[in-house]
Amino acid sequence: MVSSNKMDKTIVVAAERKVKHPIYGKFVKKTTKFHAHDEKNECSIGDTVKIMETRPLSKTKRWRLVEVIEKVK
């Protein structure tokens, strides 16, 4: 899920997962953010995208956009 597209040719993708708490057993949402390269600036906030790992493109970018699975309405 794209959470930011304010940078030029860069998007921030938030990957969410549910992890069981070790003591209480409740499932907690954990979010990991990835900076991904978007060559055509085609993504908008809320889009569901597919990214893949690539060589380092900048200090923080190690991922690139493969395809936009679902556009936000």
N, C-alpha and C. Protein backbone atom coordinates (compact mmCIF):
# COMPACT_ATOMS: atom_id res chain seq x y z
N MET A 1 0.85 -1.17 0.00
CA MET A 1 0.00 0.00 0.00
C MET A 1 0.90 1.24 0.00
N VAL A 2 0.68 2.16 -0.93
CA VAL A 2 1.48 3.37 -1.04
C VAL A 2 1.02 4.37 0.03
N SER A 3 1.96 4.83 0.85
CA SER A 3 1.61 5.78 1.91
C SER A 3 2.08 7.20 1.60
N SER A 4 3.03 7.36 0.64
CA SER A 4 3.49 8.70 0.28
C SER A 4 4.04 8.68 -1.15
N ASN A 5 3.77 9.77 -1.89
CA ASN A 5 4.33 9.92 -3.24
C ASN A 5 4.82 11.34 -3.47
N LYS A 6 5.20 12.03 -2.41
CA LYS A 6 5.60 13.43 -2.51
C LYS A 6 6.97 13.63 -3.13
N MET A 7 7.83 12.62 -3.06
CA MET A 7 9.16 12.72 -3.64
C MET A 7 9.12 12.48 -5.15
N ASP A 8 10.12 12.98 -5.86
CA ASP A 8 10.19 12.80 -7.31
C ASP A 8 10.71 11.40 -7.62
N LYS A 9 9.93 10.61 -8.36
CA LYS A 9 10.28 9.25 -8.77
C LYS A 9 10.49 8.30 -7.59
N THR A 10 9.90 8.60 -6.44
CA THR A 10 10.03 7.75 -5.27
C THR A 10 8.69 7.63 -4.57
N ILE A 11 8.36 6.42 -4.14
CA ILE A 11 7.17 6.21 -3.34
C ILE A 11 7.56 5.52 -2.04
N VAL A 12 6.75 5.69 -1.01
CA VAL A 12 6.94 4.99 0.25
C VAL A 12 5.83 3.96 0.35
N VAL A 13 6.22 2.69 0.45
CA VAL A 13 5.27 1.60 0.51
C VAL A 13 5.26 1.05 1.93
N ALA A 14 4.07 0.95 2.52
CA ALA A 14 3.92 0.42 3.87
C ALA A 14 3.40 -1.01 3.79
N ALA A 15 4.19 -1.95 4.28
CA ALA A 15 3.79 -3.36 4.31
C ALA A 15 3.35 -3.68 5.74
N GLU A 16 2.12 -4.16 5.88
CA GLU A 16 1.56 -4.42 7.19
C GLU A 16 1.48 -5.93 7.43
N ARG A 17 1.82 -6.35 8.65
CA ARG A 17 1.71 -7.76 9.01
C ARG A 17 1.18 -7.85 10.43
N LYS A 18 0.61 -9.00 10.77
CA LYS A 18 0.08 -9.20 12.11
C LYS A 18 0.97 -10.20 12.84
N VAL A 19 1.42 -9.80 14.03
CA VAL A 19 2.34 -10.60 14.83
C VAL A 19 1.68 -10.88 16.18
N LYS A 20 1.79 -12.10 16.63
CA LYS A 20 1.22 -12.48 17.92
C LYS A 20 2.12 -11.99 19.04
N HIS A 21 1.54 -11.31 20.02
CA HIS A 21 2.30 -10.81 21.17
C HIS A 21 2.81 -12.01 21.98
N PRO A 22 4.10 -11.99 22.38
CA PRO A 22 4.68 -13.17 23.03
C PRO A 22 4.05 -13.52 24.39
N ILE A 23 3.58 -12.54 25.12
CA ILE A 23 3.03 -12.81 26.46
C ILE A 23 1.50 -12.87 26.43
N TYR A 24 0.88 -11.84 25.83
CA TYR A 24 -0.58 -11.71 25.93
C TYR A 24 -1.34 -12.44 24.84
N GLY A 25 -0.68 -12.83 23.75
CA GLY A 25 -1.34 -13.61 22.72
C GLY A 25 -2.18 -12.81 21.75
N LYS A 26 -2.30 -11.50 21.97
CA LYS A 26 -3.08 -10.66 21.07
C LYS A 26 -2.29 -10.40 19.79
N PHE A 27 -2.99 -10.35 18.65
CA PHE A 27 -2.32 -10.05 17.39
C PHE A 27 -2.17 -8.54 17.24
N VAL A 28 -0.94 -8.09 16.99
CA VAL A 28 -0.61 -6.67 16.88
C VAL A 28 -0.18 -6.38 15.45
N LYS A 29 -0.63 -5.23 14.90
CA LYS A 29 -0.23 -4.82 13.55
C LYS A 29 1.16 -4.20 13.60
N LYS A 30 2.05 -4.69 12.76
CA LYS A 30 3.40 -4.13 12.62
C LYS A 30 3.52 -3.62 11.18
N THR A 31 4.10 -2.44 11.00
CA THR A 31 4.24 -1.85 9.68
C THR A 31 5.72 -1.64 9.36
N THR A 32 6.11 -2.02 8.15
CA THR A 32 7.46 -1.79 7.65
C THR A 32 7.36 -0.88 6.43
N LYS A 33 8.19 0.17 6.39
CA LYS A 33 8.17 1.11 5.28
C LYS A 33 9.34 0.85 4.34
N PHE A 34 9.05 0.88 3.04
CA PHE A 34 10.07 0.71 2.01
C PHE A 34 10.04 1.92 1.08
N HIS A 35 11.22 2.45 0.72
CA HIS A 35 11.32 3.48 -0.30
C HIS A 35 11.53 2.76 -1.63
N ALA A 36 10.65 3.00 -2.59
CA ALA A 36 10.72 2.31 -3.87
C ALA A 36 10.82 3.31 -5.01
N HIS A 37 11.50 2.90 -6.08
CA HIS A 37 11.71 3.75 -7.26
C HIS A 37 10.51 3.63 -8.19
N ASP A 38 9.88 4.78 -8.50
CA ASP A 38 8.72 4.84 -9.40
C ASP A 38 9.11 5.73 -10.58
N GLU A 39 9.59 5.12 -11.64
CA GLU A 39 10.19 5.85 -12.78
C GLU A 39 9.22 6.83 -13.43
N LYS A 40 7.94 6.44 -13.57
CA LYS A 40 6.99 7.28 -14.32
C LYS A 40 6.10 8.13 -13.42
N ASN A 41 6.32 8.12 -12.11
CA ASN A 41 5.47 8.85 -11.15
C ASN A 41 3.99 8.50 -11.35
N GLU A 42 3.70 7.20 -11.48
CA GLU A 42 2.34 6.77 -11.79
C GLU A 42 1.50 6.42 -10.56
N CYS A 43 2.10 6.28 -9.39
CA CYS A 43 1.38 5.86 -8.20
C CYS A 43 0.81 7.05 -7.44
N SER A 44 -0.31 6.80 -6.78
CA SER A 44 -0.90 7.79 -5.89
C SER A 44 -1.12 7.14 -4.52
N ILE A 45 -1.39 7.94 -3.52
CA ILE A 45 -1.53 7.44 -2.16
C ILE A 45 -2.75 6.51 -2.09
N GLY A 46 -2.53 5.34 -1.50
CA GLY A 46 -3.61 4.36 -1.35
C GLY A 46 -3.57 3.24 -2.36
N ASP A 47 -2.73 3.34 -3.40
CA ASP A 47 -2.62 2.29 -4.40
C ASP A 47 -2.00 1.03 -3.80
N THR A 48 -2.44 -0.12 -4.29
CA THR A 48 -1.81 -1.38 -3.93
C THR A 48 -0.81 -1.72 -5.02
N VAL A 49 0.46 -1.91 -4.63
CA VAL A 49 1.53 -2.09 -5.62
C VAL A 49 2.34 -3.33 -5.31
N LYS A 50 3.10 -3.77 -6.32
CA LYS A 50 4.04 -4.88 -6.18
C LYS A 50 5.43 -4.30 -6.38
N ILE A 51 6.34 -4.57 -5.42
CA ILE A 51 7.71 -4.06 -5.51
C ILE A 51 8.68 -5.24 -5.46
N MET A 52 9.89 -5.01 -5.99
CA MET A 52 10.93 -6.03 -5.91
C MET A 52 12.24 -5.41 -5.47
N GLU A 53 13.08 -6.21 -4.84
CA GLU A 53 14.36 -5.75 -4.34
C GLU A 53 15.31 -5.54 -5.51
N THR A 54 16.15 -4.51 -5.41
CA THR A 54 17.10 -4.22 -6.47
C THR A 54 18.39 -3.67 -5.84
N ARG A 55 19.34 -3.32 -6.67
CA ARG A 55 20.59 -2.75 -6.16
C ARG A 55 20.29 -1.40 -5.50
N PRO A 56 21.16 -0.91 -4.62
CA PRO A 56 20.92 0.39 -4.00
C PRO A 56 20.87 1.51 -5.04
N LEU A 57 19.76 2.24 -5.06
CA LEU A 57 19.58 3.35 -6.00
C LEU A 57 19.91 4.69 -5.34
N SER A 58 19.81 4.76 -4.03
CA SER A 58 20.18 5.96 -3.28
C SER A 58 20.45 5.52 -1.85
N LYS A 59 20.53 6.49 -0.94
CA LYS A 59 20.82 6.16 0.45
C LYS A 59 19.75 5.25 1.07
N THR A 60 18.49 5.48 0.73
CA THR A 60 17.41 4.71 1.33
C THR A 60 16.67 3.79 0.36
N LYS A 61 16.81 4.00 -0.94
CA LYS A 61 16.04 3.22 -1.93
C LYS A 61 16.77 1.93 -2.31
N ARG A 62 16.12 0.80 -1.99
CA ARG A 62 16.63 -0.51 -2.39
C ARG A 62 15.55 -1.35 -3.05
N TRP A 63 14.44 -0.75 -3.42
CA TRP A 63 13.31 -1.43 -4.01
C TRP A 63 12.86 -0.66 -5.25
N ARG A 64 12.17 -1.37 -6.17
CA ARG A 64 11.61 -0.68 -7.32
C ARG A 64 10.22 -1.22 -7.61
N LEU A 65 9.42 -0.39 -8.23
CA LEU A 65 8.04 -0.72 -8.55
C LEU A 65 7.98 -1.70 -9.71
N VAL A 66 7.22 -2.79 -9.55
CA VAL A 66 7.04 -3.76 -10.62
C VAL A 66 5.73 -3.46 -11.34
N GLU A 67 4.63 -3.36 -10.58
CA GLU A 67 3.33 -3.08 -11.18
C GLU A 67 2.38 -2.49 -10.15
N VAL A 68 1.38 -1.79 -10.65
CA VAL A 68 0.30 -1.28 -9.81
C VAL A 68 -0.81 -2.32 -9.87
N ILE A 69 -1.10 -2.95 -8.76
CA ILE A 69 -2.11 -4.01 -8.72
C ILE A 69 -3.52 -3.40 -8.74
N GLU A 70 -3.73 -2.37 -7.88
CA GLU A 70 -5.05 -1.76 -7.80
C GLU A 70 -4.91 -0.27 -7.55
N LYS A 71 -5.57 0.54 -8.40
CA LYS A 71 -5.57 1.98 -8.22
C LYS A 71 -6.62 2.35 -7.18
N VAL A 72 -6.36 3.42 -6.44
CA VAL A 72 -7.33 3.90 -5.45
C VAL A 72 -8.48 4.59 -6.18
N LYS A 73 -9.66 4.52 -5.58
CA LYS A 73 -10.84 5.09 -6.24
C LYS A 73 -11.10 6.51 -5.80
